């Protein structure tokens, strides 16, 4: 099984337009720890389907995660 690392960006203390932030998220600091349950995040993903008979195969590929808030902050 292949394991891919998904970048998790910290946007908790950023004060810019959300659309500008999404377009430039790679400039944010990365978080290298587990995100607490109940956090508010944005998940960017791609969706792929394949096959021409039922059931059709579906894959959701997470590109990056942006943390907007965590409980208690």
PDB file of N, CA and C in Angstrom:
ATOM      1  N   UNK A   1       0.841  -1.183   0.000  1.00  0.00           N
ATOM      2  CA  UNK A   1       0.000   0.000   0.000  1.00  0.00           C
ATOM      3  C   UNK A   1       0.884   1.243   0.000  1.00  0.00           C
ATOM      4  N   UNK A   2       0.552   2.202  -0.838  1.00  0.00           N
ATOM      5  CA  UNK A   2       1.292   3.454  -0.914  1.00  0.00           C
ATOM      6  C   UNK A   2       0.676   4.473   0.030  1.00  0.00           C
ATOM      7  N   UNK A   3       1.532   5.155   0.781  1.00  0.00           N
ATOM      8  CA  UNK A   3       1.075   6.191   1.714  1.00  0.00           C
ATOM      9  C   UNK A   3       1.519   7.547   1.178  1.00  0.00           C
ATOM     10  N   UNK A   4       0.584   8.480   1.093  1.00  0.00           N
ATOM     11  CA  UNK A   4       0.882   9.832   0.648  1.00  0.00           C
ATOM     12  C   UNK A   4       0.649  10.793   1.805  1.00  0.00           C
ATOM     13  N   UNK A   5       1.540  11.753   1.963  1.00  0.00           N
ATOM     14  CA  UNK A   5       1.361  12.766   2.995  1.00  0.00           C
ATOM     15  C   UNK A   5       0.495  13.894   2.457  1.00  0.00           C
ATOM     16  N   UNK A   6      -0.479  14.294   3.244  1.00  0.00           N
ATOM     17  CA  UNK A   6      -1.376  15.390   2.877  1.00  0.00           C
ATOM     18  C   UNK A   6      -0.991  16.600   3.711  1.00  0.00           C
ATOM     19  N   UNK A   7      -0.661  17.726   3.072  1.00  0.00           N
ATOM     20  CA  UNK A   7      -0.315  18.906   3.863  1.00  0.00           C
ATOM     21  C   UNK A   7      -1.529  19.436   4.634  1.00  0.00           C
ATOM     22  N   UNK A   8      -1.281  19.804   5.884  1.00  0.00           N
ATOM     23  CA  UNK A   8      -2.310  20.393   6.742  1.00  0.00           C
ATOM     24  C   UNK A   8      -1.835  21.799   7.086  1.00  0.00           C
ATOM     25  N   UNK A   9      -2.524  22.801   6.548  1.00  0.00           N
ATOM     26  CA  UNK A   9      -2.124  24.199   6.706  1.00  0.00           C
ATOM     27  C   UNK A   9      -2.853  24.850   7.880  1.00  0.00           C
ATOM     28  N   UNK A  10      -2.147  25.740   8.584  1.00  0.00           N
ATOM     29  CA  UNK A  10      -2.690  26.433   9.753  1.00  0.00           C
ATOM     30  C   UNK A  10      -3.157  27.828   9.346  1.00  0.00           C
ATOM     31  N   UNK A  11      -4.475  28.027   9.301  1.00  0.00           N
ATOM     32  CA  UNK A  11      -5.046  29.331   8.934  1.00  0.00           C
ATOM     33  C   UNK A  11      -5.777  29.968  10.106  1.00  0.00           C
ATOM     34  N   UNK A  12      -5.479  29.540  11.328  1.00  0.00           N
ATOM     35  CA  UNK A  12      -6.221  30.026  12.498  1.00  0.00           C
ATOM     36  C   UNK A  12      -5.992  31.497  12.788  1.00  0.00           C
ATOM     37  N   UNK A  13      -4.833  32.020  12.540  1.00  0.00           N
ATOM     38  CA  UNK A  13      -4.545  33.412  12.907  1.00  0.00           C
ATOM     39  C   UNK A  13      -4.273  34.280  11.687  1.00  0.00           C
ATOM     40  N   UNK A  14      -4.838  33.889  10.555  1.00  0.00           N
ATOM     41  CA  UNK A  14      -4.637  34.635   9.316  1.00  0.00           C
ATOM     42  C   UNK A  14      -5.843  35.535   9.088  1.00  0.00           C
ATOM     43  N   UNK A  15      -5.573  36.788   8.762  1.00  0.00           N
ATOM     44  CA  UNK A  15      -6.643  37.760   8.567  1.00  0.00           C
ATOM     45  C   UNK A  15      -6.610  38.294   7.138  1.00  0.00           C
ATOM     46  N   UNK A  16      -7.011  37.430   6.186  1.00  0.00           N
ATOM     47  CA  UNK A  16      -7.091  37.817   4.784  1.00  0.00           C
ATOM     48  C   UNK A  16      -8.391  37.280   4.204  1.00  0.00           C
ATOM     49  N   UNK A  17      -8.729  37.728   3.020  1.00  0.00           N
ATOM     50  CA  UNK A  17      -9.908  37.242   2.314  1.00  0.00           C
ATOM     51  C   UNK A  17      -9.789  35.736   2.107  1.00  0.00           C
ATOM     52  N   UNK A  18     -10.865  35.006   2.381  1.00  0.00           N
ATOM     53  CA  UNK A  18     -10.832  33.552   2.301  1.00  0.00           C
ATOM     54  C   UNK A  18     -10.447  33.061   0.908  1.00  0.00           C
ATOM     55  N   UNK A  19     -10.978  33.688  -0.137  1.00  0.00           N
ATOM     56  CA  UNK A  19     -10.672  33.261  -1.500  1.00  0.00           C
ATOM     57  C   UNK A  19      -9.195  33.444  -1.827  1.00  0.00           C
ATOM     58  N   UNK A  20      -8.591  34.532  -1.353  1.00  0.00           N
ATOM     59  CA  UNK A  20      -7.153  34.727  -1.548  1.00  0.00           C
ATOM     60  C   UNK A  20      -6.361  33.677  -0.777  1.00  0.00           C
ATOM     61  N   UNK A  21      -6.837  33.348   0.402  1.00  0.00           N
ATOM     62  CA  UNK A  21      -6.172  32.350   1.238  1.00  0.00           C
ATOM     63  C   UNK A  21      -6.169  30.973   0.563  1.00  0.00           C
ATOM     64  N   UNK A  22      -7.294  30.578   0.018  1.00  0.00           N
ATOM     65  CA  UNK A  22      -7.392  29.272  -0.643  1.00  0.00           C
ATOM     66  C   UNK A  22      -6.459  29.198  -1.848  1.00  0.00           C
ATOM     67  N   UNK A  23      -6.363  30.299  -2.593  1.00  0.00           N
ATOM     68  CA  UNK A  23      -5.512  30.298  -3.784  1.00  0.00           C
ATOM     69  C   UNK A  23      -4.023  30.274  -3.454  1.00  0.00           C
ATOM     70  N   UNK A  24      -3.668  30.667  -2.226  1.00  0.00           N
ATOM     71  CA  UNK A  24      -2.259  30.729  -1.823  1.00  0.00           C
ATOM     72  C   UNK A  24      -2.000  29.953  -0.534  1.00  0.00           C
ATOM     73  N   UNK A  25      -2.718  28.885  -0.315  1.00  0.00           N
ATOM     74  CA  UNK A  25      -2.621  28.170   0.962  1.00  0.00           C
ATOM     75  C   UNK A  25      -1.239  27.575   1.219  1.00  0.00           C
ATOM     76  N   UNK A  26      -0.485  27.282   0.167  1.00  0.00           N
ATOM     77  CA  UNK A  26       0.844  26.681   0.359  1.00  0.00           C
ATOM     78  C   UNK A  26       1.819  27.637   1.042  1.00  0.00           C
ATOM     79  N   UNK A  27       1.451  28.905   1.188  1.00  0.00           N
ATOM     80  CA  UNK A  27       2.302  29.870   1.894  1.00  0.00           C
ATOM     81  C   UNK A  27       2.084  29.841   3.406  1.00  0.00           C
ATOM     82  N   UNK A  28       1.054  29.119   3.852  1.00  0.00           N
ATOM     83  CA  UNK A  28       0.780  29.003   5.285  1.00  0.00           C
ATOM     84  C   UNK A  28       1.727  27.994   5.932  1.00  0.00           C
ATOM     85  N   UNK A  29       1.875  28.110   7.258  1.00  0.00           N
ATOM     86  CA  UNK A  29       2.655  27.123   7.995  1.00  0.00           C
ATOM     87  C   UNK A  29       1.912  25.798   8.015  1.00  0.00           C
ATOM     88  N   UNK A  30       2.652  24.714   7.971  1.00  0.00           N
ATOM     89  CA  UNK A  30       2.054  23.378   8.064  1.00  0.00           C
ATOM     90  C   UNK A  30       1.953  22.952   9.518  1.00  0.00           C
ATOM     91  N   UNK A  31       0.940  22.182   9.814  1.00  0.00           N
ATOM     92  CA  UNK A  31       0.740  21.607  11.140  1.00  0.00           C
ATOM     93  C   UNK A  31       1.193  20.156  11.075  1.00  0.00           C
ATOM     94  N   UNK A  32       2.060  19.759  11.981  1.00  0.00           N
ATOM     95  CA  UNK A  32       2.596  18.396  11.979  1.00  0.00           C
ATOM     96  C   UNK A  32       2.169  17.622  13.217  1.00  0.00           C
ATOM     97  N   UNK A  33       0.905  17.773  13.588  1.00  0.00           N
ATOM     98  CA  UNK A  33       0.368  17.021  14.725  1.00  0.00           C
ATOM     99  C   UNK A  33      -1.101  16.708  14.439  1.00  0.00           C
ATOM    100  N   UNK A  34      -1.688  15.884  15.261  1.00  0.00           N
ATOM    101  CA  UNK A  34      -3.088  15.515  15.073  1.00  0.00           C
ATOM    102  C   UNK A  34      -3.992  16.711  15.329  1.00  0.00           C
ATOM    103  N   UNK A  35      -5.001  16.872  14.508  1.00  0.00           N
ATOM    104  CA  UNK A  35      -5.966  17.966  14.652  1.00  0.00           C
ATOM    105  C   UNK A  35      -7.047  17.520  15.635  1.00  0.00           C
ATOM    106  N   UNK A  36      -7.387  18.350  16.636  1.00  0.00           N
ATOM    107  CA  UNK A  36      -8.377  17.941  17.637  1.00  0.00           C
ATOM    108  C   UNK A  36      -9.760  17.684  17.030  1.00  0.00           C
ATOM    109  N   UNK A  37     -10.469  16.745  17.605  1.00  0.00           N
ATOM    110  CA  UNK A  37     -11.851  16.467  17.208  1.00  0.00           C
ATOM    111  C   UNK A  37     -12.676  17.724  17.436  1.00  0.00           C
ATOM    112  N   UNK A  38     -13.561  18.036  16.508  1.00  0.00           N
ATOM    113  CA  UNK A  38     -14.408  19.213  16.622  1.00  0.00           C
ATOM    114  C   UNK A  38     -13.817  20.448  15.968  1.00  0.00           C
ATOM    115  N   UNK A  39     -12.661  20.314  15.328  1.00  0.00           N
ATOM    116  CA  UNK A  39     -12.035  21.446  14.642  1.00  0.00           C
ATOM    117  C   UNK A  39     -12.811  21.804  13.386  1.00  0.00           C
ATOM    118  N   UNK A  40     -12.683  23.048  12.955  1.00  0.00           N
ATOM    119  CA  UNK A  40     -13.282  23.513  11.706  1.00  0.00           C
ATOM    120  C   UNK A  40     -12.179  23.533  10.654  1.00  0.00           C
ATOM    121  N   UNK A  41     -12.374  22.785   9.570  1.00  0.00           N
ATOM    122  CA  UNK A  41     -11.353  22.693   8.533  1.00  0.00           C
ATOM    123  C   UNK A  41     -11.980  22.812   7.145  1.00  0.00           C
ATOM    124  N   UNK A  42     -11.142  23.123   6.179  1.00  0.00           N
ATOM    125  CA  UNK A  42     -11.504  23.079   4.768  1.00  0.00           C
ATOM    126  C   UNK A  42     -10.701  21.930   4.173  1.00  0.00           C
ATOM    127  N   UNK A  43     -11.362  21.066   3.421  1.00  0.00           N
ATOM    128  CA  UNK A  43     -10.685  19.932   2.799  1.00  0.00           C
ATOM    129  C   UNK A  43     -10.788  20.081   1.284  1.00  0.00           C
ATOM    130  N   UNK A  44      -9.643  20.148   0.624  1.00  0.00           N
ATOM    131  CA  UNK A  44      -9.612  20.207  -0.837  1.00  0.00           C
ATOM    132  C   UNK A  44      -9.364  18.794  -1.349  1.00  0.00           C
ATOM    133  N   UNK A  45     -10.208  18.364  -2.281  1.00  0.00           N
ATOM    134  CA  UNK A  45     -10.074  17.000  -2.789  1.00  0.00           C
ATOM    135  C   UNK A  45     -10.474  16.942  -4.255  1.00  0.00           C
ATOM    136  N   UNK A  46     -10.061  15.879  -4.888  1.00  0.00           N
ATOM    137  CA  UNK A  46     -10.531  15.577  -6.231  1.00  0.00           C
ATOM    138  C   UNK A  46     -11.364  14.310  -6.153  1.00  0.00           C
ATOM    139  N   UNK A  47     -12.299  14.185  -7.068  1.00  0.00           N
ATOM    140  CA  UNK A  47     -13.178  13.025  -7.116  1.00  0.00           C
ATOM    141  C   UNK A  47     -13.007  12.370  -8.481  1.00  0.00           C
ATOM    142  N   UNK A  48     -12.787  11.071  -8.469  1.00  0.00           N
ATOM    143  CA  UNK A  48     -12.634  10.331  -9.721  1.00  0.00           C
ATOM    144  C   UNK A  48     -13.600   9.156  -9.736  1.00  0.00           C
ATOM    145  N   UNK A  49     -14.119   8.853 -10.906  1.00  0.00           N
ATOM    146  CA  UNK A  49     -14.957   7.661 -11.081  1.00  0.00           C
ATOM    147  C   UNK A  49     -14.407   6.864 -12.252  1.00  0.00           C
ATOM    148  N   UNK A  50     -14.626   5.559 -12.222  1.00  0.00           N
ATOM    149  CA  UNK A  50     -14.234   4.723 -13.337  1.00  0.00           C
ATOM    150  C   UNK A  50     -15.114   3.484 -13.365  1.00  0.00           C
ATOM    151  N   UNK A  51     -15.180   2.910 -14.541  1.00  0.00           N
ATOM    152  CA  UNK A  51     -16.031   1.747 -14.759  1.00  0.00           C
ATOM    153  C   UNK A  51     -17.294   2.143 -15.495  1.00  0.00           C
ATOM    154  N   UNK A  52     -17.797   1.239 -16.302  1.00  0.00           N
ATOM    155  CA  UNK A  52     -19.002   1.556 -17.062  1.00  0.00           C
ATOM    156  C   UNK A  52     -20.169   0.648 -16.718  1.00  0.00           C
ATOM    157  N   UNK A  53     -20.021  -0.148 -15.674  1.00  0.00           N
ATOM    158  CA  UNK A  53     -21.127  -0.970 -15.194  1.00  0.00           C
ATOM    159  C   UNK A  53     -21.315  -0.706 -13.711  1.00  0.00           C
ATOM    160  N   UNK A  54     -22.507  -0.964 -13.231  1.00  0.00           N
ATOM    161  CA  UNK A  54     -22.780  -0.766 -11.799  1.00  0.00           C
ATOM    162  C   UNK A  54     -22.188  -1.911 -11.010  1.00  0.00           C
ATOM    163  N   UNK A  55     -21.626  -1.691  -9.855  1.00  0.00           N
ATOM    164  CA  UNK A  55     -21.429  -0.368  -9.243  1.00  0.00           C
ATOM    165  C   UNK A  55     -20.225   0.344  -9.860  1.00  0.00           C
ATOM    166  N   UNK A  56     -20.325   1.650  -9.976  1.00  0.00           N
ATOM    167  CA  UNK A  56     -19.230   2.471 -10.494  1.00  0.00           C
ATOM    168  C   UNK A  56     -18.244   2.709  -9.354  1.00  0.00           C
ATOM    169  N   UNK A  57     -16.973   2.660  -9.639  1.00  0.00           N
ATOM    170  CA  UNK A  57     -15.926   2.897  -8.646  1.00  0.00           C
ATOM    171  C   UNK A  57     -15.740   4.391  -8.450  1.00  0.00           C
ATOM    172  N   UNK A  58     -15.515   4.788  -7.200  1.00  0.00           N
ATOM    173  CA  UNK A  58     -15.318   6.201  -6.857  1.00  0.00           C
ATOM    174  C   UNK A  58     -14.106   6.308  -5.945  1.00  0.00           C
ATOM    175  N   UNK A  59     -13.277   7.324  -6.189  1.00  0.00           N
ATOM    176  CA  UNK A  59     -12.172   7.601  -5.269  1.00  0.00           C
ATOM    177  C   UNK A  59     -12.180   9.086  -4.921  1.00  0.00           C
ATOM    178  N   UNK A  60     -11.962   9.383  -3.660  1.00  0.00           N
ATOM    179  CA  UNK A  60     -11.835  10.753  -3.173  1.00  0.00           C
ATOM    180  C   UNK A  60     -10.368  10.937  -2.787  1.00  0.00           C
ATOM    181  N   UNK A  61      -9.677  11.859  -3.426  1.00  0.00           N
ATOM    182  CA  UNK A  61      -8.256  12.065  -3.186  1.00  0.00           C
ATOM    183  C   UNK A  61      -8.051  13.411  -2.502  1.00  0.00           C
ATOM    184  N   UNK A  62      -7.668  13.377  -1.230  1.00  0.00           N
ATOM    185  CA  UNK A  62      -7.468  14.609  -0.465  1.00  0.00           C
ATOM    186  C   UNK A  62      -6.180  15.280  -0.938  1.00  0.00           C
ATOM    187  N   UNK A  63      -6.284  16.553  -1.324  1.00  0.00           N
ATOM    188  CA  UNK A  63      -5.135  17.332  -1.810  1.00  0.00           C
ATOM    189  C   UNK A  63      -4.439  18.054  -0.658  1.00  0.00           C
ATOM    190  N   UNK A  64      -5.253  18.743   0.187  1.00  0.00           N
ATOM    191  CA  UNK A  64      -4.733  19.441   1.352  1.00  0.00           C
ATOM    192  C   UNK A  64      -5.873  19.723   2.318  1.00  0.00           C
ATOM    193  N   UNK A  65      -5.493  20.075   3.561  1.00  0.00           N
ATOM    194  CA  UNK A  65      -6.457  20.426   4.612  1.00  0.00           C
ATOM    195  C   UNK A  65      -6.009  21.759   5.191  1.00  0.00           C
ATOM    196  N   UNK A  66      -6.974  22.652   5.462  1.00  0.00           N
ATOM    197  CA  UNK A  66      -6.674  23.942   6.065  1.00  0.00           C
ATOM    198  C   UNK A  66      -7.470  24.057   7.372  1.00  0.00           C
ATOM    199  N   UNK A  67      -6.772  24.242   8.469  1.00  0.00           N
ATOM    200  CA  UNK A  67      -7.424  24.369   9.773  1.00  0.00           C
ATOM    201  C   UNK A  67      -7.824  25.827   9.981  1.00  0.00           C
ATOM    202  N   UNK A  68      -9.135  26.050  10.211  1.00  0.00           N
ATOM    203  CA  UNK A  68      -9.652  27.401  10.453  1.00  0.00           C
ATOM    204  C   UNK A  68      -9.832  27.677  11.940  1.00  0.00           C
ATOM    205  N   UNK A  69     -10.111  26.640  12.715  1.00  0.00           N
ATOM    206  CA  UNK A  69     -10.309  26.817  14.149  1.00  0.00           C
ATOM    207  C   UNK A  69     -10.305  25.485  14.858  1.00  0.00           C
ATOM    208  N   UNK A  70      -9.913  25.520  16.121  1.00  0.00           N
ATOM    209  CA  UNK A  70      -9.924  24.316  16.964  1.00  0.00           C
ATOM    210  C   UNK A  70     -10.722  24.620  18.218  1.00  0.00           C
ATOM    211  N   UNK A  71     -11.304  23.610  18.853  1.00  0.00           N
ATOM    212  CA  UNK A  71     -12.093  23.853  20.066  1.00  0.00           C
ATOM    213  C   UNK A  71     -11.249  24.539  21.153  1.00  0.00           C
ATOM    214  N   UNK A  72     -11.845  25.511  21.791  1.00  0.00           N
ATOM    215  CA  UNK A  72     -11.172  26.196  22.896  1.00  0.00           C
ATOM    216  C   UNK A  72     -10.384  27.425  22.469  1.00  0.00           C
ATOM    217  N   UNK A  73     -10.337  27.744  21.181  1.00  0.00           N
ATOM    218  CA  UNK A  73      -9.596  28.937  20.717  1.00  0.00           C
ATOM    219  C   UNK A  73     -10.554  29.967  20.188  1.00  0.00           C
TER     220      UNK A  73
END
